[in-house]
Amino acid sequence: MFNRAVSRLSRKRPPSEINDSEGHPSSSRQSLKGTSEWATSLENLLEDPEGVKRFREFLKKEFSEENVLFWLACEEFKKTQGKKQMREKAKEIYMTFLSNKASSQVNVEGQSRLNETILETPHPLMFQKLQDQIFNLMKYDSYSRFLKSDIFLNHKKSEEQEENSSEAQTAAKRASRIYNT
């Protein structure tokens, strides 16, 4: 269930608001804006599904992908409606990331770990303190390395090349219309 939610979250695409001169969506312009936005803050990176995908790819290479997965699970958990679903998701998050037997255990301060009994009375912000710890860990550790990584730099370079190619094609279409009229 959790993996489906993360997968769903990673695939969401914001509607394209940017169009080329002929009114068609311009994905290369939107993406270029995305990488520029990623570089301004971790918050912006985590708001962009493509940014999350690239950051996860980077963290996987650093053996710390569980950090962003935990953060995403907590964000999804906050939106959960109904006590039964909340209890199920809280237990899933606890068993996946926080318990001593967790398959993808995150590195949070020992005194901050939740006791399993709290899972019986879940509330939307029950993981907030731990989520904040993980966010700060990513922000002050992994994020700066990500911005210097080949994953980020190569993605940014390919977007810039797409942008240049797209601009050249648009200019050629305009020139063609001017000379063929």
N, C-alpha and C. Protein backbone atom coordinates (compact mmCIF):
# COMPACT_ATOMS: atom_id res chain seq x y z
N MET A 1 0.82 -1.18 0.00
CA MET A 1 0.00 0.00 0.00
C MET A 1 0.87 1.26 0.00
N PHE A 2 1.84 1.32 0.90
CA PHE A 2 2.73 2.49 0.99
C PHE A 2 3.47 2.70 -0.32
N ASN A 3 4.03 1.61 -0.87
CA ASN A 3 4.81 1.74 -2.11
C ASN A 3 3.95 2.26 -3.26
N ARG A 4 2.67 1.84 -3.28
CA ARG A 4 1.78 2.36 -4.32
C ARG A 4 1.56 3.86 -4.14
N ALA A 5 1.41 4.29 -2.90
CA ALA A 5 1.20 5.72 -2.64
C ALA A 5 2.42 6.53 -3.06
N VAL A 6 3.61 6.04 -2.75
CA VAL A 6 4.83 6.74 -3.14
C VAL A 6 4.94 6.75 -4.66
N SER A 7 4.65 5.62 -5.28
CA SER A 7 4.72 5.53 -6.73
C SER A 7 3.73 6.51 -7.37
N ARG A 8 2.50 6.55 -6.83
CA ARG A 8 1.48 7.45 -7.32
C ARG A 8 1.93 8.90 -7.15
N LEU A 9 2.49 9.22 -6.01
CA LEU A 9 2.94 10.57 -5.72
C LEU A 9 4.06 10.96 -6.68
N SER A 10 4.94 10.03 -6.98
CA SER A 10 6.08 10.32 -7.85
C SER A 10 5.65 10.51 -9.30
N ARG A 11 4.49 9.94 -9.68
CA ARG A 11 4.06 10.04 -11.07
C ARG A 11 3.18 11.24 -11.35
N LYS A 12 2.65 11.88 -10.31
CA LYS A 12 1.77 13.02 -10.52
C LYS A 12 2.52 14.11 -11.27
N ARG A 13 1.84 14.68 -12.24
CA ARG A 13 2.43 15.76 -13.02
C ARG A 13 1.53 16.97 -12.90
N PRO A 14 2.10 18.12 -12.59
CA PRO A 14 1.27 19.31 -12.55
C PRO A 14 0.83 19.67 -13.96
N PRO A 15 -0.34 20.25 -14.11
CA PRO A 15 -0.78 20.62 -15.46
C PRO A 15 0.15 21.66 -16.05
N SER A 16 0.40 21.54 -17.34
CA SER A 16 1.31 22.48 -17.99
C SER A 16 0.60 23.80 -18.21
N GLU A 17 1.17 24.85 -17.70
CA GLU A 17 0.62 26.19 -17.85
C GLU A 17 1.36 26.94 -18.95
N ILE A 18 2.46 26.39 -19.43
CA ILE A 18 3.31 27.10 -20.36
C ILE A 18 3.11 26.53 -21.76
N ASN A 19 2.87 27.40 -22.71
CA ASN A 19 2.65 26.96 -24.08
C ASN A 19 3.65 27.62 -25.01
N ASP A 20 3.91 26.94 -26.14
CA ASP A 20 4.80 27.54 -27.12
C ASP A 20 4.01 28.56 -27.95
N SER A 21 4.63 29.10 -28.99
CA SER A 21 3.98 30.16 -29.76
C SER A 21 2.73 29.69 -30.49
N GLU A 22 2.57 28.38 -30.64
CA GLU A 22 1.39 27.86 -31.32
C GLU A 22 0.34 27.33 -30.34
N GLY A 23 0.55 27.58 -29.04
CA GLY A 23 -0.44 27.17 -28.06
C GLY A 23 -0.29 25.74 -27.56
N HIS A 24 0.76 25.04 -27.99
CA HIS A 24 1.00 23.67 -27.52
C HIS A 24 1.78 23.70 -26.21
N PRO A 25 1.50 22.75 -25.32
CA PRO A 25 2.26 22.72 -24.06
C PRO A 25 3.75 22.62 -24.32
N SER A 26 4.53 23.37 -23.59
CA SER A 26 5.97 23.40 -23.75
C SER A 26 6.61 22.74 -22.54
N SER A 27 6.76 21.42 -22.59
CA SER A 27 7.28 20.69 -21.43
C SER A 27 8.74 21.01 -21.16
N SER A 28 9.52 21.32 -22.19
CA SER A 28 10.93 21.60 -21.95
C SER A 28 11.09 22.90 -21.16
N ARG A 29 10.27 23.89 -21.45
CA ARG A 29 10.35 25.13 -20.68
C ARG A 29 9.94 24.88 -19.24
N GLN A 30 8.89 24.10 -19.06
CA GLN A 30 8.44 23.81 -17.71
C GLN A 30 9.51 23.04 -16.94
N SER A 31 10.16 22.06 -17.57
CA SER A 31 11.20 21.28 -16.90
C SER A 31 12.39 22.14 -16.54
N LEU A 32 12.79 23.01 -17.45
CA LEU A 32 13.94 23.85 -17.16
C LEU A 32 13.64 24.71 -15.95
N LYS A 33 12.44 25.24 -15.91
CA LYS A 33 12.03 26.00 -14.74
C LYS A 33 12.13 25.09 -13.51
N GLY A 34 11.77 23.82 -13.67
CA GLY A 34 11.83 22.87 -12.56
C GLY A 34 13.22 22.71 -11.98
N THR A 35 14.22 22.49 -12.83
CA THR A 35 15.57 22.30 -12.29
C THR A 35 16.08 23.58 -11.65
N SER A 36 15.70 24.71 -12.20
CA SER A 36 16.08 25.97 -11.57
C SER A 36 15.43 26.09 -10.20
N GLU A 37 14.18 25.67 -10.12
CA GLU A 37 13.46 25.69 -8.85
C GLU A 37 14.08 24.70 -7.85
N TRP A 38 14.46 23.53 -8.33
CA TRP A 38 15.06 22.52 -7.45
C TRP A 38 16.28 23.10 -6.74
N ALA A 39 17.04 23.90 -7.46
CA ALA A 39 18.29 24.43 -6.92
C ALA A 39 18.06 25.53 -5.88
N THR A 40 16.84 26.05 -5.80
CA THR A 40 16.59 27.13 -4.84
C THR A 40 16.27 26.63 -3.44
N SER A 41 15.63 25.45 -3.34
CA SER A 41 15.32 24.92 -2.01
C SER A 41 14.90 23.45 -2.09
N LEU A 42 15.12 22.75 -1.00
CA LEU A 42 14.68 21.37 -0.91
C LEU A 42 13.15 21.31 -0.97
N GLU A 43 12.48 22.30 -0.41
CA GLU A 43 11.02 22.34 -0.46
C GLU A 43 10.53 22.34 -1.91
N ASN A 44 11.15 23.17 -2.75
CA ASN A 44 10.76 23.22 -4.16
C ASN A 44 11.04 21.89 -4.86
N LEU A 45 12.16 21.29 -4.54
CA LEU A 45 12.51 19.99 -5.12
C LEU A 45 11.44 18.96 -4.77
N LEU A 46 11.03 18.93 -3.51
CA LEU A 46 10.07 17.92 -3.05
C LEU A 46 8.64 18.17 -3.55
N GLU A 47 8.38 19.36 -4.08
CA GLU A 47 7.07 19.66 -4.64
C GLU A 47 6.96 19.22 -6.09
N ASP A 48 8.07 18.92 -6.73
CA ASP A 48 8.09 18.54 -8.14
C ASP A 48 8.29 17.02 -8.25
N PRO A 49 7.31 16.32 -8.83
CA PRO A 49 7.44 14.86 -8.96
C PRO A 49 8.73 14.41 -9.66
N GLU A 50 9.15 15.14 -10.68
CA GLU A 50 10.39 14.79 -11.37
C GLU A 50 11.58 15.03 -10.45
N GLY A 51 11.52 16.09 -9.66
CA GLY A 51 12.57 16.37 -8.68
C GLY A 51 12.67 15.27 -7.65
N VAL A 52 11.53 14.81 -7.16
CA VAL A 52 11.50 13.71 -6.19
C VAL A 52 12.12 12.46 -6.81
N LYS A 53 11.76 12.20 -8.05
CA LYS A 53 12.29 11.01 -8.75
C LYS A 53 13.82 11.07 -8.83
N ARG A 54 14.35 12.22 -9.23
CA ARG A 54 15.81 12.37 -9.37
C ARG A 54 16.50 12.33 -8.00
N PHE A 55 15.89 12.95 -6.99
CA PHE A 55 16.46 12.95 -5.65
C PHE A 55 16.48 11.53 -5.08
N ARG A 56 15.40 10.78 -5.32
CA ARG A 56 15.36 9.38 -4.88
C ARG A 56 16.47 8.57 -5.55
N GLU A 57 16.66 8.80 -6.83
CA GLU A 57 17.72 8.11 -7.58
C GLU A 57 19.08 8.39 -6.94
N PHE A 58 19.31 9.65 -6.59
CA PHE A 58 20.56 10.05 -5.94
C PHE A 58 20.68 9.39 -4.56
N LEU A 59 19.63 9.48 -3.76
CA LEU A 59 19.68 8.92 -2.40
C LEU A 59 19.86 7.40 -2.43
N LYS A 60 19.31 6.77 -3.43
CA LYS A 60 19.48 5.31 -3.55
C LYS A 60 20.96 4.98 -3.71
N LYS A 61 21.67 5.78 -4.50
CA LYS A 61 23.11 5.56 -4.68
C LYS A 61 23.87 5.81 -3.39
N GLU A 62 23.34 6.67 -2.53
CA GLU A 62 23.97 6.99 -1.25
C GLU A 62 23.47 6.09 -0.11
N PHE A 63 22.62 5.13 -0.46
CA PHE A 63 22.05 4.22 0.52
C PHE A 63 21.25 4.94 1.59
N SER A 64 20.51 5.97 1.19
CA SER A 64 19.67 6.69 2.16
C SER A 64 18.32 7.08 1.56
N GLU A 65 17.84 6.29 0.61
CA GLU A 65 16.55 6.56 -0.02
C GLU A 65 15.41 6.52 0.99
N GLU A 66 15.59 5.77 2.07
CA GLU A 66 14.53 5.65 3.07
C GLU A 66 14.15 7.01 3.65
N ASN A 67 15.07 7.96 3.65
CA ASN A 67 14.76 9.29 4.19
C ASN A 67 13.65 9.97 3.41
N VAL A 68 13.80 10.05 2.10
CA VAL A 68 12.77 10.71 1.30
C VAL A 68 11.50 9.87 1.27
N LEU A 69 11.62 8.55 1.30
CA LEU A 69 10.43 7.70 1.32
C LEU A 69 9.64 7.92 2.61
N PHE A 70 10.34 8.04 3.73
CA PHE A 70 9.68 8.33 5.00
C PHE A 70 9.00 9.69 4.95
N TRP A 71 9.70 10.68 4.46
CA TRP A 71 9.14 12.03 4.37
C TRP A 71 7.87 12.02 3.52
N LEU A 72 7.92 11.35 2.36
CA LEU A 72 6.75 11.25 1.48
C LEU A 72 5.60 10.51 2.16
N ALA A 73 5.92 9.43 2.87
CA ALA A 73 4.88 8.66 3.57
C ALA A 73 4.20 9.52 4.63
N CYS A 74 4.97 10.34 5.32
CA CYS A 74 4.40 11.23 6.34
C CYS A 74 3.49 12.28 5.70
N GLU A 75 3.90 12.81 4.56
CA GLU A 75 3.07 13.79 3.85
C GLU A 75 1.75 13.15 3.42
N GLU A 76 1.82 11.95 2.92
CA GLU A 76 0.61 11.22 2.51
C GLU A 76 -0.25 10.89 3.73
N PHE A 77 0.38 10.53 4.83
CA PHE A 77 -0.32 10.19 6.07
C PHE A 77 -1.15 11.37 6.57
N LYS A 78 -0.63 12.57 6.47
CA LYS A 78 -1.34 13.75 6.95
C LYS A 78 -2.67 13.96 6.23
N LYS A 79 -2.80 13.42 5.03
CA LYS A 79 -4.02 13.57 4.24
C LYS A 79 -5.02 12.44 4.49
N THR A 80 -4.64 11.47 5.30
CA THR A 80 -5.48 10.29 5.53
C THR A 80 -6.74 10.66 6.29
N GLN A 81 -7.85 10.15 5.81
CA GLN A 81 -9.15 10.38 6.46
C GLN A 81 -9.61 9.08 7.12
N GLY A 82 -10.25 9.19 8.23
CA GLY A 82 -10.81 8.01 8.90
C GLY A 82 -9.81 7.37 9.85
N LYS A 83 -10.29 7.08 11.05
CA LYS A 83 -9.42 6.50 12.10
C LYS A 83 -8.86 5.14 11.70
N LYS A 84 -9.66 4.30 11.04
CA LYS A 84 -9.19 2.97 10.66
C LYS A 84 -8.04 3.06 9.65
N GLN A 85 -8.24 3.86 8.60
CA GLN A 85 -7.18 4.02 7.60
C GLN A 85 -5.94 4.66 8.23
N MET A 86 -6.17 5.62 9.12
CA MET A 86 -5.06 6.29 9.78
C MET A 86 -4.27 5.30 10.63
N ARG A 87 -4.97 4.44 11.35
CA ARG A 87 -4.29 3.43 12.16
C ARG A 87 -3.47 2.49 11.29
N GLU A 88 -4.06 2.06 10.17
CA GLU A 88 -3.35 1.14 9.26
C GLU A 88 -2.10 1.79 8.67
N LYS A 89 -2.24 3.03 8.21
CA LYS A 89 -1.09 3.73 7.62
C LYS A 89 -0.03 4.04 8.67
N ALA A 90 -0.47 4.41 9.87
CA ALA A 90 0.49 4.71 10.94
C ALA A 90 1.31 3.46 11.26
N LYS A 91 0.63 2.32 11.34
CA LYS A 91 1.33 1.07 11.63
C LYS A 91 2.29 0.72 10.49
N GLU A 92 1.85 0.94 9.26
CA GLU A 92 2.70 0.66 8.10
C GLU A 92 3.96 1.53 8.12
N ILE A 93 3.79 2.81 8.42
CA ILE A 93 4.94 3.72 8.51
C ILE A 93 5.86 3.27 9.64
N TYR A 94 5.27 2.95 10.78
CA TYR A 94 6.07 2.53 11.93
C TYR A 94 6.87 1.27 11.60
N MET A 95 6.20 0.26 11.03
CA MET A 95 6.87 -1.01 10.73
C MET A 95 7.91 -0.86 9.61
N THR A 96 7.68 0.03 8.67
CA THR A 96 8.60 0.21 7.54
C THR A 96 9.81 1.06 7.90
N PHE A 97 9.60 2.09 8.74
CA PHE A 97 10.67 3.07 8.94
C PHE A 97 11.16 3.25 10.38
N LEU A 98 10.35 2.93 11.37
CA LEU A 98 10.68 3.34 12.73
C LEU A 98 10.97 2.22 13.73
N SER A 99 10.39 1.06 13.52
CA SER A 99 10.59 -0.01 14.50
C SER A 99 12.01 -0.55 14.42
N ASN A 100 12.42 -1.23 15.46
CA ASN A 100 13.76 -1.82 15.47
C ASN A 100 13.93 -2.87 14.38
N LYS A 101 12.82 -3.41 13.90
CA LYS A 101 12.86 -4.44 12.86
C LYS A 101 12.47 -3.87 11.49
N ALA A 102 12.44 -2.56 11.37
CA ALA A 102 12.00 -1.91 10.13
C ALA A 102 12.88 -2.31 8.95
N SER A 103 12.23 -2.51 7.81
CA SER A 103 12.95 -2.89 6.60
C SER A 103 13.74 -1.72 6.01
N SER A 104 13.26 -0.49 6.24
CA SER A 104 13.93 0.71 5.72
C SER A 104 14.05 1.73 6.85
N GLN A 105 14.70 1.35 7.89
CA GLN A 105 14.78 2.17 9.10
C GLN A 105 15.46 3.52 8.85
N VAL A 106 14.81 4.59 9.32
CA VAL A 106 15.40 5.92 9.21
C VAL A 106 16.20 6.21 10.47
N ASN A 107 17.15 7.11 10.33
CA ASN A 107 18.05 7.45 11.42
C ASN A 107 17.52 8.67 12.16
N VAL A 108 16.72 8.43 13.20
CA VAL A 108 16.20 9.52 14.03
C VAL A 108 16.73 9.33 15.44
N GLU A 109 16.74 10.42 16.20
CA GLU A 109 17.23 10.35 17.57
C GLU A 109 16.41 9.32 18.35
N GLY A 110 17.12 8.52 19.16
CA GLY A 110 16.49 7.45 19.92
C GLY A 110 15.31 7.91 20.76
N GLN A 111 15.46 9.04 21.46
CA GLN A 111 14.38 9.51 22.31
C GLN A 111 13.18 10.00 21.50
N SER A 112 13.39 10.22 20.21
CA SER A 112 12.30 10.69 19.36
C SER A 112 11.49 9.54 18.77
N ARG A 113 11.99 8.34 18.88
CA ARG A 113 11.26 7.19 18.34
C ARG A 113 9.91 7.06 19.02
N LEU A 114 8.93 6.68 18.26
CA LEU A 114 7.59 6.50 18.80
C LEU A 114 7.46 5.13 19.45
N ASN A 115 6.71 5.08 20.51
CA ASN A 115 6.37 3.81 21.13
C ASN A 115 5.20 3.21 20.34
N GLU A 116 5.22 1.93 20.13
CA GLU A 116 4.20 1.27 19.32
C GLU A 116 2.78 1.49 19.85
N THR A 117 2.63 1.77 21.13
CA THR A 117 1.30 1.96 21.70
C THR A 117 0.62 3.21 21.17
N ILE A 118 1.38 4.19 20.72
CA ILE A 118 0.79 5.43 20.18
C ILE A 118 0.03 5.16 18.88
N LEU A 119 0.31 4.04 18.24
CA LEU A 119 -0.35 3.70 16.98
C LEU A 119 -1.84 3.46 17.14
N GLU A 120 -2.29 3.19 18.37
CA GLU A 120 -3.72 2.93 18.61
C GLU A 120 -4.54 4.21 18.54
N THR A 121 -3.95 5.35 18.81
CA THR A 121 -4.67 6.63 18.75
C THR A 121 -3.93 7.60 17.83
N PRO A 122 -3.93 7.31 16.54
CA PRO A 122 -3.17 8.13 15.59
C PRO A 122 -3.82 9.50 15.36
N HIS A 123 -3.00 10.44 14.99
CA HIS A 123 -3.48 11.76 14.57
C HIS A 123 -2.57 12.24 13.45
N PRO A 124 -3.05 13.14 12.59
CA PRO A 124 -2.31 13.52 11.38
C PRO A 124 -0.88 14.01 11.61
N LEU A 125 -0.59 14.60 12.76
CA LEU A 125 0.75 15.15 12.98
C LEU A 125 1.61 14.30 13.91
N MET A 126 1.23 13.05 14.11
CA MET A 126 1.95 12.20 15.05
C MET A 126 3.40 11.94 14.64
N PHE A 127 3.71 12.03 13.36
CA PHE A 127 5.07 11.79 12.88
C PHE A 127 5.83 13.09 12.61
N GLN A 128 5.21 14.23 12.90
CA GLN A 128 5.78 15.52 12.50
C GLN A 128 7.20 15.76 13.02
N LYS A 129 7.43 15.49 14.28
CA LYS A 129 8.76 15.73 14.86
C LYS A 129 9.82 14.88 14.15
N LEU A 130 9.49 13.63 13.90
CA LEU A 130 10.43 12.74 13.21
C LEU A 130 10.60 13.16 11.75
N GLN A 131 9.50 13.56 11.13
CA GLN A 131 9.57 14.01 9.74
C GLN A 131 10.45 15.25 9.64
N ASP A 132 10.32 16.16 10.59
CA ASP A 132 11.16 17.36 10.60
C ASP A 132 12.64 17.01 10.75
N GLN A 133 12.93 16.02 11.59
CA GLN A 133 14.33 15.58 11.75
C GLN A 133 14.90 15.07 10.43
N ILE A 134 14.12 14.24 9.76
CA ILE A 134 14.56 13.66 8.49
C ILE A 134 14.69 14.75 7.42
N PHE A 135 13.75 15.68 7.41
CA PHE A 135 13.82 16.78 6.46
C PHE A 135 15.12 17.56 6.66
N ASN A 136 15.43 17.89 7.90
CA ASN A 136 16.66 18.65 8.19
C ASN A 136 17.90 17.85 7.84
N LEU A 137 17.86 16.55 8.07
CA LEU A 137 18.98 15.69 7.68
C LEU A 137 19.20 15.77 6.18
N MET A 138 18.11 15.67 5.42
CA MET A 138 18.23 15.75 3.96
C MET A 138 18.68 17.15 3.54
N LYS A 139 18.09 18.16 4.14
CA LYS A 139 18.37 19.55 3.75
C LYS A 139 19.83 19.93 3.98
N TYR A 140 20.36 19.55 5.14
CA TYR A 140 21.72 20.00 5.48
C TYR A 140 22.80 18.97 5.14
N ASP A 141 22.40 17.84 4.61
CA ASP A 141 23.38 16.81 4.27
C ASP A 141 23.25 16.41 2.80
N SER A 142 22.21 15.69 2.46
CA SER A 142 22.08 15.09 1.13
C SER A 142 21.80 16.11 0.03
N TYR A 143 20.97 17.10 0.32
CA TYR A 143 20.51 18.04 -0.71
C TYR A 143 21.68 18.79 -1.37
N SER A 144 22.61 19.29 -0.59
CA SER A 144 23.74 20.03 -1.19
C SER A 144 24.59 19.11 -2.07
N ARG A 145 24.75 17.86 -1.65
CA ARG A 145 25.50 16.91 -2.49
C ARG A 145 24.72 16.58 -3.76
N PHE A 146 23.40 16.50 -3.64
CA PHE A 146 22.57 16.23 -4.81
C PHE A 146 22.77 17.31 -5.88
N LEU A 147 22.80 18.58 -5.46
CA LEU A 147 22.96 19.67 -6.41
C LEU A 147 24.31 19.65 -7.13
N LYS A 148 25.28 18.94 -6.59
CA LYS A 148 26.60 18.80 -7.21
C LYS A 148 26.76 17.46 -7.92
N SER A 149 25.75 16.63 -7.82
CA SER A 149 25.84 15.26 -8.35
C SER A 149 25.70 15.22 -9.86
N ASP A 150 26.20 14.14 -10.44
CA ASP A 150 26.04 13.91 -11.88
C ASP A 150 24.56 13.79 -12.24
N ILE A 151 23.77 13.20 -11.36
CA ILE A 151 22.34 13.02 -11.64
C ILE A 151 21.68 14.37 -11.89
N PHE A 152 21.91 15.31 -10.98
CA PHE A 152 21.32 16.65 -11.12
C PHE A 152 21.92 17.40 -12.31
N LEU A 153 23.24 17.45 -12.38
CA LEU A 153 23.91 18.23 -13.42
C LEU A 153 23.61 17.71 -14.82
N ASN A 154 23.57 16.38 -14.98
CA ASN A 154 23.24 15.82 -16.29
C ASN A 154 21.79 16.10 -16.68
N HIS A 155 20.90 16.02 -15.69
CA HIS A 155 19.49 16.31 -15.97
C HIS A 155 19.32 17.78 -16.38
N LYS A 156 19.97 18.65 -15.66
CA LYS A 156 19.89 20.08 -15.97
C LYS A 156 20.45 20.36 -17.37
N LYS A 157 21.58 19.72 -17.68
CA LYS A 157 22.21 19.91 -19.00
C LYS A 157 21.28 19.42 -20.11
N SER A 158 20.66 18.27 -19.93
CA SER A 158 19.77 17.74 -20.97
C SER A 158 18.54 18.64 -21.12
N GLU A 159 18.06 19.20 -20.04
CA GLU A 159 16.93 20.14 -20.15
C GLU A 159 17.34 21.41 -20.90
N GLU A 160 18.52 21.89 -20.64
CA GLU A 160 19.00 23.08 -21.35
C GLU A 160 19.15 22.79 -22.84
N GLN A 161 19.62 21.59 -23.17
CA GLN A 161 19.75 21.21 -24.58
C GLN A 161 18.36 21.12 -25.23
N GLU A 162 17.39 20.55 -24.51
CA GLU A 162 16.02 20.47 -25.03
C GLU A 162 15.47 21.87 -25.25
N GLU A 163 15.72 22.75 -24.29
CA GLU A 163 15.24 24.14 -24.40
C GLU A 163 15.83 24.80 -25.63
N ASN A 164 17.12 24.66 -25.82
CA ASN A 164 17.77 25.27 -26.99
C ASN A 164 17.24 24.68 -28.28
N SER A 165 17.03 23.38 -28.32
CA SER A 165 16.50 22.71 -29.50
C SER A 165 15.07 23.19 -29.77
N SER A 166 14.28 23.28 -28.73
CA SER A 166 12.90 23.73 -28.86
C SER A 166 12.83 25.16 -29.38
N GLU A 167 13.69 26.02 -28.85
CA GLU A 167 13.73 27.41 -29.31
C GLU A 167 14.15 27.49 -30.77
N ALA A 168 15.09 26.67 -31.18
CA ALA A 168 15.55 26.66 -32.57
C ALA A 168 14.42 26.19 -33.49
N GLN A 169 13.68 25.17 -33.08
CA GLN A 169 12.56 24.68 -33.89
C GLN A 169 11.47 25.73 -34.01
N THR A 170 11.18 26.41 -32.90
CA THR A 170 10.16 27.45 -32.91
C THR A 170 10.57 28.59 -33.84
N ALA A 171 11.83 28.99 -33.78
CA ALA A 171 12.33 30.05 -34.66
C ALA A 171 12.25 29.61 -36.12
N ALA A 172 12.56 28.35 -36.40
CA ALA A 172 12.50 27.84 -37.77
C ALA A 172 11.05 27.83 -38.27
N LYS A 173 10.10 27.47 -37.41
CA LYS A 173 8.69 27.48 -37.81
C LYS A 173 8.23 28.89 -38.11
N ARG A 174 8.63 29.85 -37.26
CA ARG A 174 8.25 31.25 -37.49
C ARG A 174 8.83 31.74 -38.82
N ALA A 175 10.10 31.44 -39.06
CA ALA A 175 10.75 31.86 -40.30
C ALA A 175 10.06 31.23 -41.50
N SER A 176 9.67 29.97 -41.38
CA SER A 176 9.00 29.27 -42.45
C SER A 176 7.66 29.92 -42.76
N ARG A 177 6.91 30.30 -41.73
CA ARG A 177 5.61 30.96 -41.94
C ARG A 177 5.81 32.32 -42.59
N ILE A 178 6.84 33.03 -42.18
CA ILE A 178 7.06 34.37 -42.74
C ILE A 178 7.40 34.29 -44.21
N TYR A 179 8.28 33.36 -44.58
CA TYR A 179 8.72 33.27 -45.97
C TYR A 179 7.74 32.55 -46.87
N ASN A 180 6.80 31.79 -46.30
CA ASN A 180 5.84 31.05 -47.12
C ASN A 180 4.50 31.77 -47.23
N THR A 181 4.42 32.99 -46.76
CA THR A 181 3.15 33.69 -46.86
C THR A 181 3.06 34.57 -48.05
